[in-house]
């Protein structure tokens, strides 16, 4: 019984540590992605494929901004394909001098995808929710927003 308790405890601690994985470290106001991006890239590309979008993500950066409605500062990991017609983001939260992914119970939840045009149609947060901002130019394709909730 005691061994079972320790196995369950280890499993819970492992789950907590994985969910709170450091994605970015912050030094002197500079963001440095420290996480292994391959599992994130693989997961995001699977999400895209499940949405019927074929894309290889090649550029990853950290973006931050202020929610125009609430004024709250937000952070997210942002990835694009080569021509930047596919943009993917996942929310991050400040934890000391690091940024970690938001949990599934925090907003904005999930993985955000904005597709359709090279200029514009970029993930952002408004009133605590994902948006694609601004819309595509009339000469470009339509800007399409997709949110995928992480289980």
N, C-alpha and C. Protein backbone atom coordinates (compact mmCIF):
# COMPACT_ATOMS: atom_id res chain seq x y z
N UNK A 1 0.83 -1.19 0.00
CA UNK A 1 0.00 0.00 0.00
C UNK A 1 0.87 1.25 0.00
N UNK A 2 1.94 1.22 0.79
CA UNK A 2 2.84 2.35 0.88
C UNK A 2 3.51 2.61 -0.48
N UNK A 3 3.90 1.52 -1.17
CA UNK A 3 4.52 1.66 -2.49
C UNK A 3 3.55 2.26 -3.49
N UNK A 4 2.28 1.85 -3.42
CA UNK A 4 1.28 2.40 -4.32
C UNK A 4 1.12 3.89 -4.10
N UNK A 5 1.14 4.32 -2.84
CA UNK A 5 1.05 5.73 -2.51
C UNK A 5 2.19 6.51 -3.16
N UNK A 6 3.42 5.99 -3.06
CA UNK A 6 4.57 6.67 -3.64
C UNK A 6 4.52 6.70 -5.17
N UNK A 7 4.01 5.66 -5.77
CA UNK A 7 3.87 5.63 -7.23
C UNK A 7 2.87 6.69 -7.68
N UNK A 8 1.73 6.76 -7.00
CA UNK A 8 0.72 7.78 -7.34
C UNK A 8 1.28 9.18 -7.11
N UNK A 9 1.96 9.39 -5.99
CA UNK A 9 2.55 10.69 -5.68
C UNK A 9 3.57 11.08 -6.74
N UNK A 10 4.41 10.16 -7.16
CA UNK A 10 5.41 10.42 -8.20
C UNK A 10 4.72 10.81 -9.50
N UNK A 11 3.65 10.10 -9.85
CA UNK A 11 2.90 10.40 -11.07
C UNK A 11 2.32 11.80 -11.04
N UNK A 12 1.76 12.18 -9.91
CA UNK A 12 1.19 13.52 -9.78
C UNK A 12 2.26 14.60 -9.86
N UNK A 13 3.38 14.39 -9.19
CA UNK A 13 4.47 15.35 -9.24
C UNK A 13 5.04 15.48 -10.64
N UNK A 14 5.16 14.37 -11.34
CA UNK A 14 5.67 14.39 -12.71
C UNK A 14 4.73 15.18 -13.60
N UNK A 15 3.43 14.98 -13.45
CA UNK A 15 2.44 15.70 -14.25
C UNK A 15 2.54 17.19 -13.99
N UNK A 16 2.65 17.59 -12.73
CA UNK A 16 2.75 19.00 -12.38
C UNK A 16 4.01 19.60 -12.98
N UNK A 17 5.13 18.90 -12.92
CA UNK A 17 6.38 19.41 -13.46
C UNK A 17 6.32 19.56 -14.97
N UNK A 18 5.71 18.61 -15.66
CA UNK A 18 5.62 18.69 -17.11
C UNK A 18 4.75 19.87 -17.51
N UNK A 19 3.63 20.08 -16.85
CA UNK A 19 2.73 21.18 -17.19
C UNK A 19 3.36 22.52 -16.92
N UNK A 20 4.28 22.61 -15.98
CA UNK A 20 4.91 23.87 -15.62
C UNK A 20 6.30 23.99 -16.22
N UNK A 21 6.55 23.30 -17.32
CA UNK A 21 7.85 23.34 -17.97
C UNK A 21 8.20 24.77 -18.37
N UNK A 22 9.43 25.17 -18.07
CA UNK A 22 9.89 26.49 -18.48
C UNK A 22 10.05 26.51 -19.98
N UNK A 23 9.40 27.45 -20.63
CA UNK A 23 9.49 27.60 -22.07
C UNK A 23 10.49 28.70 -22.41
N UNK A 24 10.46 29.75 -21.60
CA UNK A 24 11.28 30.94 -21.87
C UNK A 24 11.90 31.44 -20.57
N UNK A 25 13.14 31.88 -20.65
CA UNK A 25 13.74 32.59 -19.52
C UNK A 25 13.86 34.06 -19.92
N UNK A 26 13.76 34.93 -18.93
CA UNK A 26 13.84 36.36 -19.18
C UNK A 26 15.04 36.91 -18.44
N UNK A 27 15.92 37.58 -19.20
CA UNK A 27 17.10 38.22 -18.61
C UNK A 27 17.25 39.60 -19.22
N UNK A 28 17.36 40.59 -18.38
CA UNK A 28 17.53 41.97 -18.83
C UNK A 28 16.49 42.37 -19.87
N UNK A 29 15.25 41.91 -19.65
CA UNK A 29 14.16 42.25 -20.54
C UNK A 29 14.16 41.51 -21.87
N UNK A 30 15.06 40.56 -22.04
CA UNK A 30 15.16 39.78 -23.28
C UNK A 30 14.57 38.39 -23.05
N UNK A 31 13.78 37.93 -24.04
CA UNK A 31 13.19 36.59 -23.97
C UNK A 31 14.13 35.61 -24.65
N UNK A 32 14.39 34.49 -23.97
CA UNK A 32 15.22 33.44 -24.56
C UNK A 32 14.45 32.12 -24.44
N UNK A 33 14.12 31.53 -25.59
CA UNK A 33 13.42 30.26 -25.59
C UNK A 33 14.41 29.19 -25.17
N UNK A 34 14.10 28.52 -24.05
CA UNK A 34 15.01 27.51 -23.51
C UNK A 34 14.45 26.10 -23.63
N UNK A 35 13.17 25.98 -23.94
CA UNK A 35 12.55 24.66 -24.07
C UNK A 35 12.97 24.01 -25.38
N UNK A 36 12.95 22.70 -25.40
CA UNK A 36 13.15 21.96 -26.63
C UNK A 36 11.91 22.20 -27.50
N UNK A 37 12.08 22.84 -28.64
CA UNK A 37 10.95 23.19 -29.48
C UNK A 37 10.42 22.03 -30.31
N UNK A 38 11.19 20.97 -30.48
CA UNK A 38 10.74 19.87 -31.33
C UNK A 38 9.42 19.26 -30.88
N UNK A 39 9.21 18.93 -29.59
CA UNK A 39 7.90 18.39 -29.19
C UNK A 39 6.76 19.39 -29.38
N UNK A 40 7.03 20.67 -29.17
CA UNK A 40 6.01 21.70 -29.35
C UNK A 40 5.67 21.82 -30.83
N UNK A 41 6.69 21.89 -31.67
CA UNK A 41 6.50 21.96 -33.13
C UNK A 41 5.71 20.75 -33.63
N UNK A 42 6.07 19.56 -33.16
CA UNK A 42 5.38 18.34 -33.57
C UNK A 42 3.92 18.38 -33.16
N UNK A 43 3.65 18.80 -31.93
CA UNK A 43 2.27 18.89 -31.43
C UNK A 43 1.46 19.92 -32.23
N UNK A 44 2.04 21.09 -32.46
CA UNK A 44 1.34 22.13 -33.19
C UNK A 44 1.06 21.70 -34.63
N UNK A 45 2.01 21.04 -35.27
CA UNK A 45 1.80 20.59 -36.64
C UNK A 45 0.73 19.51 -36.70
N UNK A 46 0.61 18.69 -35.64
CA UNK A 46 -0.46 17.69 -35.57
C UNK A 46 -1.81 18.40 -35.44
N UNK A 47 -1.86 19.44 -34.61
CA UNK A 47 -3.09 20.23 -34.47
C UNK A 47 -3.48 20.82 -35.83
N UNK A 48 -2.51 21.37 -36.54
CA UNK A 48 -2.78 21.93 -37.87
C UNK A 48 -3.32 20.86 -38.81
N UNK A 49 -2.67 19.70 -38.81
CA UNK A 49 -3.10 18.60 -39.69
C UNK A 49 -4.53 18.19 -39.36
N UNK A 50 -4.85 18.10 -38.06
CA UNK A 50 -6.21 17.75 -37.63
C UNK A 50 -7.22 18.80 -38.10
N UNK A 51 -6.77 20.05 -38.30
CA UNK A 51 -7.63 21.13 -38.79
C UNK A 51 -7.66 21.18 -40.32
N UNK A 52 -6.92 20.24 -40.98
CA UNK A 52 -6.88 20.22 -42.44
C UNK A 52 -5.88 21.17 -43.04
N UNK A 53 -4.90 21.61 -42.23
CA UNK A 53 -3.88 22.56 -42.70
C UNK A 53 -2.54 21.85 -42.73
N UNK A 54 -1.91 21.83 -43.91
CA UNK A 54 -0.59 21.25 -44.04
C UNK A 54 0.43 22.37 -43.99
N UNK A 55 1.29 22.36 -42.97
CA UNK A 55 2.30 23.41 -42.84
C UNK A 55 3.45 22.89 -41.98
N UNK A 56 4.62 23.36 -42.31
CA UNK A 56 5.81 23.08 -41.51
C UNK A 56 6.20 24.37 -40.81
N UNK A 57 6.17 24.36 -39.50
CA UNK A 57 6.50 25.56 -38.72
C UNK A 57 8.01 25.68 -38.62
N UNK A 58 8.53 26.87 -38.97
CA UNK A 58 9.98 27.05 -39.00
C UNK A 58 10.48 28.20 -38.13
N UNK A 59 9.63 29.16 -37.82
CA UNK A 59 10.04 30.32 -37.02
C UNK A 59 9.28 30.32 -35.70
N UNK A 60 10.01 30.47 -34.59
CA UNK A 60 9.40 30.53 -33.27
C UNK A 60 9.95 31.74 -32.52
N UNK A 61 9.04 32.55 -31.95
CA UNK A 61 9.43 33.71 -31.15
C UNK A 61 8.43 33.85 -30.01
N UNK A 62 8.80 34.68 -29.05
CA UNK A 62 7.88 35.03 -27.96
C UNK A 62 7.34 36.41 -28.25
N UNK A 63 6.04 36.56 -28.13
CA UNK A 63 5.40 37.86 -28.34
C UNK A 63 4.70 38.27 -27.05
N UNK A 64 4.63 39.56 -26.85
CA UNK A 64 3.87 40.09 -25.71
C UNK A 64 3.14 41.34 -26.18
N UNK A 65 2.15 41.70 -25.43
CA UNK A 65 1.38 42.89 -25.75
C UNK A 65 0.45 43.21 -24.61
N UNK A 66 -0.37 44.20 -24.83
CA UNK A 66 -1.38 44.57 -23.83
C UNK A 66 -2.75 44.36 -24.43
N UNK A 67 -3.60 43.70 -23.69
CA UNK A 67 -4.99 43.50 -24.10
C UNK A 67 -5.63 44.89 -24.17
N UNK A 68 -6.14 45.26 -25.35
CA UNK A 68 -6.70 46.61 -25.55
C UNK A 68 -7.94 46.87 -24.72
N UNK A 69 -8.61 45.82 -24.26
CA UNK A 69 -9.81 45.99 -23.45
C UNK A 69 -9.48 46.03 -21.96
N UNK A 70 -8.67 45.06 -21.51
CA UNK A 70 -8.40 44.95 -20.07
C UNK A 70 -7.12 45.65 -19.64
N UNK A 71 -6.21 45.90 -20.60
CA UNK A 71 -4.92 46.50 -20.27
C UNK A 71 -3.92 45.50 -19.72
N UNK A 72 -4.34 44.26 -19.53
CA UNK A 72 -3.48 43.23 -18.96
C UNK A 72 -2.40 42.81 -19.97
N UNK A 73 -1.17 42.66 -19.49
CA UNK A 73 -0.07 42.21 -20.35
C UNK A 73 -0.22 40.71 -20.60
N UNK A 74 -0.01 40.32 -21.84
CA UNK A 74 -0.07 38.91 -22.18
C UNK A 74 1.21 38.50 -22.92
N UNK A 75 1.48 37.19 -22.88
CA UNK A 75 2.64 36.60 -23.54
C UNK A 75 2.18 35.36 -24.28
N UNK A 76 2.82 35.06 -25.40
CA UNK A 76 2.56 33.79 -26.05
C UNK A 76 3.75 33.35 -26.90
N UNK A 77 3.86 32.04 -27.05
CA UNK A 77 4.84 31.47 -27.97
C UNK A 77 4.17 31.47 -29.33
N UNK A 78 4.89 31.92 -30.34
CA UNK A 78 4.33 32.18 -31.66
C UNK A 78 5.18 31.46 -32.71
N UNK A 79 4.55 30.69 -33.56
CA UNK A 79 5.26 29.98 -34.61
C UNK A 79 4.62 30.23 -35.96
N UNK A 80 5.43 30.27 -37.02
CA UNK A 80 4.91 30.47 -38.36
C UNK A 80 5.57 29.52 -39.34
N UNK A 81 4.90 29.34 -40.48
CA UNK A 81 5.54 28.62 -41.57
C UNK A 81 6.44 29.59 -42.33
N UNK A 82 7.12 29.10 -43.37
CA UNK A 82 8.12 29.92 -44.07
C UNK A 82 7.54 31.20 -44.65
N UNK A 83 6.39 31.13 -45.31
CA UNK A 83 5.83 32.33 -45.93
C UNK A 83 4.91 33.12 -44.99
N UNK A 84 4.78 32.68 -43.76
CA UNK A 84 4.00 33.33 -42.71
C UNK A 84 2.50 33.41 -43.01
N UNK A 85 2.00 32.47 -43.80
CA UNK A 85 0.57 32.39 -44.06
C UNK A 85 -0.15 31.57 -43.01
N UNK A 86 0.63 30.82 -42.21
CA UNK A 86 0.08 30.03 -41.09
C UNK A 86 0.77 30.51 -39.82
N UNK A 87 -0.03 30.94 -38.85
CA UNK A 87 0.50 31.46 -37.59
C UNK A 87 -0.16 30.71 -36.44
N UNK A 88 0.66 30.24 -35.50
CA UNK A 88 0.15 29.46 -34.37
C UNK A 88 0.67 30.10 -33.09
N UNK A 89 -0.18 30.10 -32.05
CA UNK A 89 0.23 30.68 -30.77
C UNK A 89 -0.34 29.88 -29.62
N UNK A 90 0.38 29.90 -28.51
CA UNK A 90 -0.10 29.30 -27.27
C UNK A 90 0.30 30.22 -26.13
N UNK A 91 -0.66 30.52 -25.26
CA UNK A 91 -0.46 31.48 -24.18
C UNK A 91 0.58 31.04 -23.16
N UNK A 92 1.29 32.02 -22.65
CA UNK A 92 2.29 31.82 -21.61
C UNK A 92 1.95 32.70 -20.42
N UNK A 93 2.44 32.32 -19.25
CA UNK A 93 2.27 33.17 -18.07
C UNK A 93 3.62 33.35 -17.40
N UNK A 94 3.76 34.49 -16.75
CA UNK A 94 4.97 34.85 -16.05
C UNK A 94 5.05 34.06 -14.75
N UNK A 95 6.19 33.42 -14.54
CA UNK A 95 6.43 32.68 -13.31
C UNK A 95 7.87 32.99 -12.90
N UNK A 96 8.03 33.99 -12.02
CA UNK A 96 9.36 34.44 -11.66
C UNK A 96 10.02 35.08 -12.87
N UNK A 97 11.22 34.61 -13.22
CA UNK A 97 11.94 35.12 -14.39
C UNK A 97 11.79 34.18 -15.58
N UNK A 98 10.67 33.45 -15.60
CA UNK A 98 10.42 32.51 -16.70
C UNK A 98 9.00 32.67 -17.21
N UNK A 99 8.75 32.08 -18.36
CA UNK A 99 7.41 31.98 -18.91
C UNK A 99 7.10 30.50 -19.10
N UNK A 100 5.90 30.09 -18.67
CA UNK A 100 5.45 28.71 -18.81
C UNK A 100 4.10 28.74 -19.53
N UNK A 101 3.72 27.61 -20.17
CA UNK A 101 2.43 27.55 -20.83
C UNK A 101 1.31 27.71 -19.82
N UNK A 102 0.25 28.37 -20.24
CA UNK A 102 -0.96 28.46 -19.42
C UNK A 102 -1.53 27.05 -19.25
N UNK A 103 -2.17 26.80 -18.12
CA UNK A 103 -2.84 25.51 -17.93
C UNK A 103 -4.15 25.53 -18.71
N UNK A 104 -4.76 24.38 -18.86
CA UNK A 104 -6.00 24.30 -19.65
C UNK A 104 -7.15 25.06 -19.00
N UNK A 105 -7.02 25.42 -17.71
CA UNK A 105 -8.09 26.15 -17.02
C UNK A 105 -7.89 27.66 -17.06
N UNK A 106 -6.78 28.13 -17.63
CA UNK A 106 -6.48 29.56 -17.69
C UNK A 106 -6.82 30.10 -19.08
N UNK A 107 -7.15 31.39 -19.13
CA UNK A 107 -7.49 31.98 -20.43
C UNK A 107 -6.38 32.92 -20.88
N UNK A 108 -6.16 33.03 -22.18
CA UNK A 108 -6.85 32.29 -23.23
C UNK A 108 -6.32 30.86 -23.32
N UNK A 109 -7.23 29.94 -23.38
CA UNK A 109 -6.86 28.52 -23.36
C UNK A 109 -6.52 28.03 -24.76
N UNK A 110 -5.77 26.96 -24.80
CA UNK A 110 -5.55 26.24 -26.04
C UNK A 110 -4.53 26.83 -26.98
N UNK A 111 -4.57 26.30 -28.19
CA UNK A 111 -3.67 26.70 -29.25
C UNK A 111 -4.47 27.47 -30.28
N UNK A 112 -3.97 28.63 -30.67
CA UNK A 112 -4.65 29.51 -31.61
C UNK A 112 -3.98 29.42 -32.96
N UNK A 113 -4.76 29.32 -34.02
CA UNK A 113 -4.25 29.29 -35.38
C UNK A 113 -4.93 30.38 -36.19
N UNK A 114 -4.12 31.19 -36.87
CA UNK A 114 -4.62 32.19 -37.81
C UNK A 114 -4.01 31.88 -39.17
N UNK A 115 -4.84 31.68 -40.17
CA UNK A 115 -4.34 31.34 -41.50
C UNK A 115 -5.03 32.19 -42.55
N UNK A 116 -4.39 32.27 -43.70
CA UNK A 116 -5.06 32.89 -44.84
C UNK A 116 -4.26 33.95 -45.56
N UNK A 117 -3.46 34.73 -44.85
CA UNK A 117 -2.70 35.77 -45.55
C UNK A 117 -1.37 36.00 -44.84
N UNK A 118 -0.45 36.58 -45.61
CA UNK A 118 0.90 36.82 -45.10
C UNK A 118 0.94 38.05 -44.21
N UNK A 119 0.27 39.11 -44.62
CA UNK A 119 0.25 40.37 -43.84
C UNK A 119 -1.05 40.46 -43.06
N UNK A 120 -0.92 40.61 -41.76
CA UNK A 120 -2.12 40.64 -40.91
C UNK A 120 -2.49 39.26 -40.46
N UNK A 121 -3.69 39.15 -39.89
CA UNK A 121 -4.19 37.85 -39.44
C UNK A 121 -3.23 37.20 -38.45
N UNK A 122 -2.86 37.97 -37.42
CA UNK A 122 -1.87 37.54 -36.42
C UNK A 122 -2.57 37.29 -35.09
N UNK A 123 -2.22 36.21 -34.38
CA UNK A 123 -2.83 35.96 -33.07
C UNK A 123 -2.58 37.12 -32.10
N UNK A 124 -3.62 37.48 -31.38
CA UNK A 124 -3.55 38.50 -30.34
C UNK A 124 -4.64 38.19 -29.32
N UNK A 125 -4.66 38.94 -28.24
CA UNK A 125 -5.65 38.71 -27.18
C UNK A 125 -6.44 39.99 -26.97
N UNK A 126 -7.77 39.85 -26.98
CA UNK A 126 -8.67 40.97 -26.75
C UNK A 126 -9.74 40.53 -25.76
N UNK A 127 -9.85 41.25 -24.65
CA UNK A 127 -10.80 40.93 -23.60
C UNK A 127 -10.60 39.50 -23.08
N UNK A 128 -9.32 39.07 -23.03
CA UNK A 128 -8.98 37.75 -22.51
C UNK A 128 -9.21 36.60 -23.47
N UNK A 129 -9.57 36.91 -24.73
CA UNK A 129 -9.85 35.86 -25.72
C UNK A 129 -8.95 36.01 -26.93
N UNK A 130 -8.68 34.87 -27.60
CA UNK A 130 -7.88 34.90 -28.82
C UNK A 130 -8.63 35.59 -29.95
N UNK A 131 -7.90 36.39 -30.73
CA UNK A 131 -8.41 36.96 -31.97
C UNK A 131 -7.31 36.87 -33.02
N UNK A 132 -7.66 37.04 -34.28
CA UNK A 132 -6.70 37.22 -35.36
C UNK A 132 -6.78 38.69 -35.74
N UNK A 133 -5.67 39.41 -35.62
CA UNK A 133 -5.70 40.86 -35.76
C UNK A 133 -4.53 41.35 -36.60
N UNK A 134 -4.67 42.25 -37.49
CA UNK A 134 -5.92 42.65 -38.11
C UNK A 134 -6.31 41.65 -39.19
N UNK A 135 -7.47 41.87 -39.76
CA UNK A 135 -7.93 41.00 -40.84
C UNK A 135 -7.01 41.17 -42.06
N UNK A 136 -7.11 40.24 -42.99
CA UNK A 136 -6.30 40.30 -44.21
C UNK A 136 -6.74 41.46 -45.10
N UNK A 137 -5.82 41.91 -45.95
CA UNK A 137 -6.17 42.90 -46.97
C UNK A 137 -7.18 42.27 -47.92
N UNK A 138 -7.98 43.11 -48.57
CA UNK A 138 -9.00 42.59 -49.48
C UNK A 138 -8.41 41.81 -50.64
N UNK A 139 -7.16 42.11 -51.00
CA UNK A 139 -6.51 41.40 -52.11
C UNK A 139 -5.99 40.03 -51.69
N UNK A 140 -5.86 39.80 -50.39
CA UNK A 140 -5.38 38.51 -49.87
C UNK A 140 -6.55 37.56 -49.66
N UNK A 141 -6.21 36.36 -49.23
CA UNK A 141 -7.22 35.37 -48.85
C UNK A 141 -7.91 35.82 -47.57
N UNK A 142 -8.97 35.11 -47.22
CA UNK A 142 -9.70 35.38 -45.98
C UNK A 142 -8.88 34.94 -44.77
N UNK A 143 -8.95 35.70 -43.69
CA UNK A 143 -8.30 35.35 -42.43
C UNK A 143 -9.19 34.36 -41.69
N UNK A 144 -8.64 33.20 -41.36
CA UNK A 144 -9.42 32.16 -40.70
C UNK A 144 -8.83 31.91 -39.31
N UNK A 145 -9.68 31.97 -38.29
CA UNK A 145 -9.29 31.75 -36.90
C UNK A 145 -9.76 30.38 -36.45
N UNK A 146 -8.85 29.62 -35.81
CA UNK A 146 -9.20 28.32 -35.25
C UNK A 146 -8.59 28.22 -33.87
N UNK A 147 -9.39 27.83 -32.90
CA UNK A 147 -8.89 27.59 -31.54
C UNK A 147 -8.99 26.11 -31.24
N UNK A 148 -7.94 25.54 -30.70
CA UNK A 148 -7.94 24.14 -30.31
C UNK A 148 -7.72 24.07 -28.81
N UNK A 149 -8.67 23.50 -28.11
CA UNK A 149 -8.56 23.37 -26.66
C UNK A 149 -7.68 22.15 -26.34
N UNK A 150 -6.75 22.35 -25.44
CA UNK A 150 -5.83 21.29 -25.05
C UNK A 150 -6.50 20.44 -23.97
N UNK A 151 -6.49 19.17 -24.15
CA UNK A 151 -7.09 18.25 -23.16
C UNK A 151 -6.09 17.89 -22.10
